[in-house]
Amino acid sequence: MPHTEEHQAPGYTLVVTGAPYSSQAPATALAFCQALLDTGHTCDRLFLYGDGVYLSSALNTPPSDETDWTAEWQALLAQHRIPAVACIASCLRRGLLDEQEASRYERPASNLASGFSIAGLGEWVEAQTSSDRVIYFHGGV
C-alpha cells in the first residue's frame, strides 16, 4: 500500500487594527476570512488591537442601511467556532470592558459583545507561534 501524507491547509490568525465605520479593515478581514474558510483553510483566531477593538463593542449601532460589522463577525465566529480576542490594553484605553474588567475597575457596566474575549498580548504571541500565517488588516491613516 503506498504511503500518503495527509496535507493540512495552513491555519491563519487575522489581526485587525482598524475600527469599523472609519476603516475598511474589519470588512476586508471578514471577506478574507470567509474566503479562507470557503477554500478549506482554517482561521485559528481573530485578534483585535488598537482601534480594531471597537469591532468588539456591544454598543455598535449602525444605521439600518449600513452593515453591522460586529454582528457579521459574531455570526462567522460562532458558526466556525473561531476565538476572537481583543487586546486588554487597547480595550481599557477605549472604554471596552467585559464583566470581569468592569468589576475590577469599578465601572457601572460592561460592553464587550458576545463571542469576543479580552486578553493580553500573550494571546498575540501564541498566535504568532501556533498559526502558519498571521495576516494584518490595518486601518490606514
N, C-alpha and C. Protein backbone atom coordinates (compact mmCIF):
# COMPACT_ATOMS: atom_id res chain seq x y z
N MET A 1 0.86 -1.17 0.00
CA MET A 1 0.00 0.00 0.00
C MET A 1 0.90 1.24 0.00
N PRO A 2 0.69 2.17 -0.93
CA PRO A 2 1.54 3.36 -0.99
C PRO A 2 1.31 4.27 0.21
N HIS A 3 2.40 4.92 0.60
CA HIS A 3 2.34 5.86 1.71
C HIS A 3 1.81 7.21 1.21
N THR A 4 0.82 7.71 1.88
CA THR A 4 0.29 9.04 1.52
C THR A 4 0.33 9.93 2.76
N GLU A 5 0.78 11.13 2.56
CA GLU A 5 0.80 12.09 3.66
C GLU A 5 -0.46 12.94 3.58
N GLU A 6 -1.04 13.12 4.73
CA GLU A 6 -2.21 13.98 4.79
C GLU A 6 -1.74 15.43 4.79
N HIS A 7 -2.23 16.19 3.85
CA HIS A 7 -1.85 17.59 3.76
C HIS A 7 -2.93 18.43 4.43
N GLN A 8 -2.51 19.18 5.44
CA GLN A 8 -3.45 20.04 6.13
C GLN A 8 -3.26 21.47 5.64
N ALA A 9 -4.36 22.13 5.35
CA ALA A 9 -4.29 23.53 4.91
C ALA A 9 -3.74 24.38 6.05
N PRO A 10 -2.98 25.42 5.72
CA PRO A 10 -2.42 26.25 6.77
C PRO A 10 -3.49 26.98 7.57
N GLY A 11 -3.19 27.19 8.85
CA GLY A 11 -4.08 27.95 9.72
C GLY A 11 -3.65 29.40 9.77
N TYR A 12 -4.60 30.28 9.87
CA TYR A 12 -4.35 31.71 9.85
C TYR A 12 -4.84 32.38 11.13
N THR A 13 -4.10 33.36 11.58
CA THR A 13 -4.58 34.30 12.59
C THR A 13 -4.75 35.63 11.87
N LEU A 14 -5.88 36.25 12.09
CA LEU A 14 -6.15 37.55 11.49
C LEU A 14 -6.07 38.62 12.57
N VAL A 15 -5.33 39.67 12.30
CA VAL A 15 -5.16 40.78 13.24
C VAL A 15 -5.80 42.01 12.61
N VAL A 16 -6.78 42.58 13.30
CA VAL A 16 -7.47 43.77 12.82
C VAL A 16 -7.10 44.94 13.72
N THR A 17 -6.54 46.00 13.11
CA THR A 17 -6.15 47.18 13.88
C THR A 17 -6.97 48.42 13.51
N GLY A 18 -7.86 48.30 12.55
CA GLY A 18 -8.69 49.43 12.13
C GLY A 18 -10.11 49.28 12.64
N ALA A 19 -10.70 50.39 13.01
CA ALA A 19 -12.07 50.40 13.55
C ALA A 19 -13.11 50.27 12.45
N PRO A 20 -14.24 49.63 12.79
CA PRO A 20 -15.34 49.62 11.83
C PRO A 20 -15.87 51.04 11.66
N TYR A 21 -16.38 51.34 10.49
CA TYR A 21 -17.01 52.62 10.15
C TYR A 21 -16.02 53.76 9.95
N SER A 22 -14.74 53.56 10.30
CA SER A 22 -13.74 54.58 9.97
C SER A 22 -12.60 53.96 9.16
N SER A 23 -12.68 52.66 8.92
CA SER A 23 -11.70 51.98 8.07
C SER A 23 -12.35 50.76 7.43
N GLN A 24 -11.70 50.24 6.42
CA GLN A 24 -12.18 49.04 5.73
C GLN A 24 -11.64 47.76 6.37
N ALA A 25 -10.78 47.89 7.38
CA ALA A 25 -10.09 46.73 7.94
C ALA A 25 -11.04 45.61 8.39
N PRO A 26 -12.08 45.87 9.21
CA PRO A 26 -12.95 44.77 9.63
C PRO A 26 -13.71 44.12 8.46
N ALA A 27 -14.13 44.92 7.49
CA ALA A 27 -14.85 44.38 6.33
C ALA A 27 -13.94 43.54 5.46
N THR A 28 -12.73 44.02 5.20
CA THR A 28 -11.78 43.28 4.37
C THR A 28 -11.36 41.99 5.06
N ALA A 29 -11.13 42.07 6.37
CA ALA A 29 -10.75 40.88 7.13
C ALA A 29 -11.87 39.84 7.11
N LEU A 30 -13.11 40.29 7.21
CA LEU A 30 -14.25 39.37 7.18
C LEU A 30 -14.33 38.67 5.82
N ALA A 31 -14.19 39.41 4.75
CA ALA A 31 -14.22 38.81 3.41
C ALA A 31 -13.07 37.83 3.23
N PHE A 32 -11.89 38.19 3.71
CA PHE A 32 -10.73 37.31 3.62
C PHE A 32 -10.97 36.04 4.42
N CYS A 33 -11.49 36.19 5.63
CA CYS A 33 -11.76 35.03 6.49
C CYS A 33 -12.76 34.09 5.83
N GLN A 34 -13.81 34.64 5.26
CA GLN A 34 -14.82 33.81 4.60
C GLN A 34 -14.21 33.07 3.41
N ALA A 35 -13.35 33.75 2.66
CA ALA A 35 -12.68 33.11 1.52
C ALA A 35 -11.76 31.98 2.00
N LEU A 36 -11.06 32.20 3.10
CA LEU A 36 -10.21 31.15 3.68
C LEU A 36 -11.05 29.91 3.99
N LEU A 37 -12.12 30.13 4.70
CA LEU A 37 -12.97 29.02 5.13
C LEU A 37 -13.61 28.32 3.94
N ASP A 38 -14.00 29.09 2.94
CA ASP A 38 -14.62 28.51 1.74
C ASP A 38 -13.67 27.64 0.95
N THR A 39 -12.37 27.88 1.09
CA THR A 39 -11.37 27.11 0.34
C THR A 39 -10.67 26.06 1.19
N GLY A 40 -11.23 25.76 2.37
CA GLY A 40 -10.70 24.67 3.19
C GLY A 40 -9.61 25.04 4.16
N HIS A 41 -9.26 26.31 4.24
CA HIS A 41 -8.27 26.74 5.23
C HIS A 41 -8.95 26.94 6.57
N THR A 42 -8.16 27.18 7.60
CA THR A 42 -8.73 27.43 8.90
C THR A 42 -8.31 28.81 9.40
N CYS A 43 -9.17 29.39 10.19
CA CYS A 43 -8.84 30.63 10.88
C CYS A 43 -8.71 30.24 12.35
N ASP A 44 -7.49 30.33 12.87
CA ASP A 44 -7.22 29.92 14.25
C ASP A 44 -7.77 30.90 15.26
N ARG A 45 -7.73 32.19 14.91
CA ARG A 45 -8.25 33.20 15.81
C ARG A 45 -8.30 34.55 15.12
N LEU A 46 -9.11 35.42 15.68
CA LEU A 46 -9.17 36.81 15.29
C LEU A 46 -8.62 37.59 16.47
N PHE A 47 -7.63 38.44 16.22
CA PHE A 47 -7.05 39.26 17.28
C PHE A 47 -7.29 40.72 16.94
N LEU A 48 -7.88 41.45 17.88
CA LEU A 48 -8.19 42.86 17.69
C LEU A 48 -7.22 43.69 18.52
N TYR A 49 -6.64 44.69 17.87
CA TYR A 49 -5.63 45.51 18.53
C TYR A 49 -5.83 46.97 18.12
N GLY A 50 -5.42 47.89 18.97
CA GLY A 50 -5.60 49.30 18.66
C GLY A 50 -7.07 49.61 18.45
N ASP A 51 -7.37 50.43 17.45
CA ASP A 51 -8.76 50.79 17.16
C ASP A 51 -9.59 49.60 16.68
N GLY A 52 -8.94 48.51 16.33
CA GLY A 52 -9.67 47.31 15.92
C GLY A 52 -10.57 46.76 17.02
N VAL A 53 -10.27 47.08 18.29
CA VAL A 53 -11.10 46.57 19.38
C VAL A 53 -12.51 47.14 19.34
N TYR A 54 -12.70 48.27 18.66
CA TYR A 54 -14.06 48.80 18.55
C TYR A 54 -15.01 47.81 17.87
N LEU A 55 -14.48 46.88 17.11
CA LEU A 55 -15.31 45.85 16.49
C LEU A 55 -16.01 44.99 17.54
N SER A 56 -15.42 44.89 18.73
CA SER A 56 -15.97 44.03 19.78
C SER A 56 -16.97 44.73 20.70
N SER A 57 -17.35 45.94 20.37
CA SER A 57 -18.29 46.68 21.22
C SER A 57 -19.73 46.22 21.01
N ALA A 58 -20.38 45.90 22.10
CA ALA A 58 -21.80 45.54 22.05
C ALA A 58 -22.68 46.74 21.78
N LEU A 59 -22.10 47.93 21.85
CA LEU A 59 -22.87 49.16 21.67
C LEU A 59 -22.82 49.71 20.25
N ASN A 60 -22.11 49.05 19.35
CA ASN A 60 -22.12 49.49 17.94
C ASN A 60 -23.55 49.41 17.42
N THR A 61 -24.04 50.51 16.92
CA THR A 61 -25.42 50.57 16.41
C THR A 61 -25.44 51.36 15.12
N PRO A 62 -25.06 50.72 14.02
CA PRO A 62 -25.04 51.44 12.74
C PRO A 62 -26.46 51.71 12.23
N PRO A 63 -26.61 52.71 11.38
CA PRO A 63 -27.92 52.96 10.76
C PRO A 63 -28.39 51.70 10.01
N SER A 64 -29.67 51.60 9.81
CA SER A 64 -30.25 50.39 9.22
C SER A 64 -29.79 50.13 7.79
N ASP A 65 -29.27 51.15 7.11
CA ASP A 65 -28.80 50.94 5.74
C ASP A 65 -27.30 50.64 5.67
N GLU A 66 -26.65 50.44 6.83
CA GLU A 66 -25.23 50.08 6.87
C GLU A 66 -25.06 48.69 7.47
N THR A 67 -23.96 48.06 7.14
CA THR A 67 -23.66 46.73 7.66
C THR A 67 -23.28 46.81 9.13
N ASP A 68 -23.82 45.90 9.92
CA ASP A 68 -23.44 45.78 11.32
C ASP A 68 -22.25 44.82 11.38
N TRP A 69 -21.03 45.37 11.35
CA TRP A 69 -19.83 44.55 11.27
C TRP A 69 -19.64 43.68 12.50
N THR A 70 -20.05 44.17 13.66
CA THR A 70 -19.94 43.35 14.87
C THR A 70 -20.82 42.11 14.74
N ALA A 71 -22.05 42.29 14.31
CA ALA A 71 -22.97 41.16 14.15
C ALA A 71 -22.49 40.19 13.06
N GLU A 72 -21.97 40.73 11.97
CA GLU A 72 -21.45 39.87 10.90
C GLU A 72 -20.31 39.00 11.41
N TRP A 73 -19.38 39.62 12.16
CA TRP A 73 -18.28 38.85 12.73
C TRP A 73 -18.78 37.85 13.76
N GLN A 74 -19.72 38.26 14.60
CA GLN A 74 -20.25 37.34 15.61
C GLN A 74 -20.82 36.08 14.95
N ALA A 75 -21.55 36.24 13.88
CA ALA A 75 -22.14 35.10 13.19
C ALA A 75 -21.07 34.17 12.63
N LEU A 76 -20.06 34.74 11.98
CA LEU A 76 -18.99 33.92 11.41
C LEU A 76 -18.20 33.21 12.50
N LEU A 77 -17.87 33.94 13.55
CA LEU A 77 -17.10 33.36 14.65
C LEU A 77 -17.85 32.20 15.28
N ALA A 78 -19.14 32.38 15.52
CA ALA A 78 -19.95 31.33 16.14
C ALA A 78 -20.09 30.12 15.22
N GLN A 79 -20.36 30.37 13.96
CA GLN A 79 -20.56 29.28 13.00
C GLN A 79 -19.32 28.40 12.89
N HIS A 80 -18.15 29.01 12.91
CA HIS A 80 -16.91 28.25 12.70
C HIS A 80 -16.09 28.07 13.98
N ARG A 81 -16.67 28.46 15.10
CA ARG A 81 -16.01 28.32 16.41
C ARG A 81 -14.60 28.90 16.41
N ILE A 82 -14.51 30.12 15.96
CA ILE A 82 -13.24 30.83 15.91
C ILE A 82 -13.15 31.74 17.12
N PRO A 83 -12.10 31.62 17.92
CA PRO A 83 -11.95 32.53 19.05
C PRO A 83 -11.59 33.94 18.58
N ALA A 84 -12.17 34.93 19.24
CA ALA A 84 -11.90 36.33 18.92
C ALA A 84 -11.43 37.02 20.20
N VAL A 85 -10.24 37.57 20.13
CA VAL A 85 -9.61 38.16 21.31
C VAL A 85 -9.32 39.64 21.06
N ALA A 86 -9.71 40.46 22.01
CA ALA A 86 -9.42 41.88 21.96
C ALA A 86 -8.33 42.18 22.99
N CYS A 87 -7.34 42.94 22.58
CA CYS A 87 -6.21 43.30 23.45
C CYS A 87 -6.71 44.10 24.64
N ILE A 88 -6.36 43.65 25.84
CA ILE A 88 -6.85 44.32 27.04
C ILE A 88 -6.40 45.77 27.14
N ALA A 89 -5.15 46.06 26.83
CA ALA A 89 -4.68 47.44 26.93
C ALA A 89 -5.43 48.35 25.95
N SER A 90 -5.63 47.86 24.74
CA SER A 90 -6.39 48.64 23.75
C SER A 90 -7.83 48.84 24.20
N CYS A 91 -8.43 47.81 24.78
CA CYS A 91 -9.81 47.91 25.25
C CYS A 91 -9.95 48.91 26.39
N LEU A 92 -9.07 48.81 27.36
CA LEU A 92 -9.17 49.71 28.51
C LEU A 92 -9.03 51.17 28.08
N ARG A 93 -8.12 51.43 27.17
CA ARG A 93 -7.92 52.81 26.69
C ARG A 93 -9.15 53.35 25.96
N ARG A 94 -9.94 52.45 25.39
CA ARG A 94 -11.08 52.86 24.57
C ARG A 94 -12.43 52.61 25.23
N GLY A 95 -12.42 52.26 26.51
CA GLY A 95 -13.67 52.09 27.24
C GLY A 95 -14.44 50.84 26.90
N LEU A 96 -13.75 49.78 26.52
CA LEU A 96 -14.40 48.50 26.23
C LEU A 96 -14.06 47.53 27.36
N LEU A 97 -15.09 47.03 28.04
CA LEU A 97 -14.89 46.20 29.22
C LEU A 97 -15.77 44.96 29.18
N ASP A 98 -15.22 43.84 29.60
CA ASP A 98 -16.07 42.68 29.86
C ASP A 98 -16.51 42.78 31.33
N GLU A 99 -17.30 41.84 31.81
CA GLU A 99 -17.82 41.93 33.18
C GLU A 99 -16.70 41.91 34.21
N GLN A 100 -15.69 41.10 33.99
CA GLN A 100 -14.58 40.99 34.93
C GLN A 100 -13.83 42.31 35.05
N GLU A 101 -13.52 42.94 33.92
CA GLU A 101 -12.78 44.20 33.95
C GLU A 101 -13.64 45.34 34.48
N ALA A 102 -14.93 45.33 34.19
CA ALA A 102 -15.83 46.35 34.73
C ALA A 102 -15.85 46.27 36.25
N SER A 103 -15.89 45.07 36.78
CA SER A 103 -15.86 44.89 38.23
C SER A 103 -14.51 45.30 38.80
N ARG A 104 -13.45 44.87 38.15
CA ARG A 104 -12.09 45.18 38.62
C ARG A 104 -11.85 46.69 38.72
N TYR A 105 -12.32 47.43 37.72
CA TYR A 105 -12.10 48.87 37.69
C TYR A 105 -13.29 49.66 38.24
N GLU A 106 -14.22 48.95 38.86
CA GLU A 106 -15.40 49.54 39.48
C GLU A 106 -16.17 50.45 38.52
N ARG A 107 -16.43 49.93 37.35
CA ARG A 107 -17.22 50.63 36.35
C ARG A 107 -18.65 50.09 36.39
N PRO A 108 -19.63 50.90 36.00
CA PRO A 108 -21.03 50.50 36.17
C PRO A 108 -21.55 49.46 35.18
N ALA A 109 -20.81 49.21 34.10
CA ALA A 109 -21.34 48.29 33.09
C ALA A 109 -20.21 47.70 32.25
N SER A 110 -20.52 46.60 31.62
CA SER A 110 -19.61 46.02 30.62
C SER A 110 -20.24 46.22 29.25
N ASN A 111 -19.40 46.22 28.21
CA ASN A 111 -19.94 46.45 26.88
C ASN A 111 -19.24 45.63 25.81
N LEU A 112 -18.62 44.53 26.20
CA LEU A 112 -17.98 43.66 25.22
C LEU A 112 -19.04 42.75 24.62
N ALA A 113 -19.08 42.70 23.30
CA ALA A 113 -20.07 41.88 22.60
C ALA A 113 -19.81 40.39 22.84
N SER A 114 -20.87 39.61 22.84
CA SER A 114 -20.71 38.16 22.99
C SER A 114 -19.91 37.61 21.81
N GLY A 115 -19.15 36.58 22.09
CA GLY A 115 -18.31 35.99 21.06
C GLY A 115 -16.89 36.53 21.05
N PHE A 116 -16.66 37.60 21.83
CA PHE A 116 -15.34 38.20 21.94
C PHE A 116 -14.86 38.06 23.37
N SER A 117 -13.56 37.97 23.55
CA SER A 117 -12.98 37.95 24.89
C SER A 117 -11.84 38.96 24.94
N ILE A 118 -11.47 39.32 26.15
CA ILE A 118 -10.37 40.25 26.37
C ILE A 118 -9.19 39.46 26.91
N ALA A 119 -8.01 39.71 26.37
CA ALA A 119 -6.80 39.04 26.84
C ALA A 119 -5.60 39.92 26.55
N GLY A 120 -4.48 39.53 27.11
CA GLY A 120 -3.25 40.28 26.92
C GLY A 120 -2.54 39.92 25.64
N LEU A 121 -1.40 40.53 25.46
CA LEU A 121 -0.60 40.29 24.26
C LEU A 121 -0.04 38.87 24.21
N GLY A 122 -0.13 38.15 25.31
CA GLY A 122 0.27 36.74 25.30
C GLY A 122 -0.52 35.95 24.26
N GLU A 123 -1.78 36.32 24.08
CA GLU A 123 -2.60 35.68 23.05
C GLU A 123 -2.04 35.94 21.66
N TRP A 124 -1.55 37.16 21.45
CA TRP A 124 -0.96 37.51 20.16
C TRP A 124 0.32 36.72 19.94
N VAL A 125 1.14 36.60 20.98
CA VAL A 125 2.37 35.82 20.89
C VAL A 125 2.04 34.37 20.57
N GLU A 126 1.02 33.84 21.22
CA GLU A 126 0.57 32.47 20.95
C GLU A 126 0.14 32.32 19.49
N ALA A 127 -0.54 33.33 18.98
CA ALA A 127 -0.97 33.29 17.58
C ALA A 127 0.23 33.25 16.65
N GLN A 128 1.26 34.02 16.98
CA GLN A 128 2.46 34.06 16.16
C GLN A 128 3.13 32.68 16.07
N THR A 129 3.07 31.93 17.15
CA THR A 129 3.77 30.66 17.18
C THR A 129 2.91 29.48 16.74
N SER A 130 1.59 29.58 16.90
CA SER A 130 0.75 28.42 16.61
C SER A 130 0.11 28.45 15.22
N SER A 131 -0.02 29.61 14.62
CA SER A 131 -0.62 29.69 13.28
C SER A 131 0.47 29.64 12.22
N ASP A 132 0.11 29.12 11.06
CA ASP A 132 1.04 29.09 9.94
C ASP A 132 1.25 30.48 9.35
N ARG A 133 0.19 31.28 9.37
CA ARG A 133 0.23 32.62 8.79
C ARG A 133 -0.48 33.61 9.71
N VAL A 134 0.06 34.82 9.80
CA VAL A 134 -0.59 35.90 10.52
C VAL A 134 -0.77 37.04 9.53
N ILE A 135 -2.00 37.44 9.31
CA ILE A 135 -2.32 38.47 8.33
C ILE A 135 -2.90 39.68 9.07
N TYR A 136 -2.37 40.86 8.75
CA TYR A 136 -2.80 42.10 9.38
C TYR A 136 -3.73 42.88 8.47
N PHE A 137 -4.75 43.47 9.09
CA PHE A 137 -5.68 44.36 8.40
C PHE A 137 -5.65 45.68 9.15
N HIS A 138 -4.90 46.64 8.60
CA HIS A 138 -4.69 47.93 9.26
C HIS A 138 -5.76 48.94 8.86
N GLY A 139 -5.94 49.90 9.72
CA GLY A 139 -6.93 50.94 9.47
C GLY A 139 -6.47 52.02 8.51
N GLY A 140 -5.19 52.13 8.33
CA GLY A 140 -4.69 53.18 7.46
C GLY A 140 -4.62 54.51 8.18
N VAL A 141 -4.25 55.51 7.44
CA VAL A 141 -4.07 56.84 8.04
C VAL A 141 -5.20 57.74 7.66
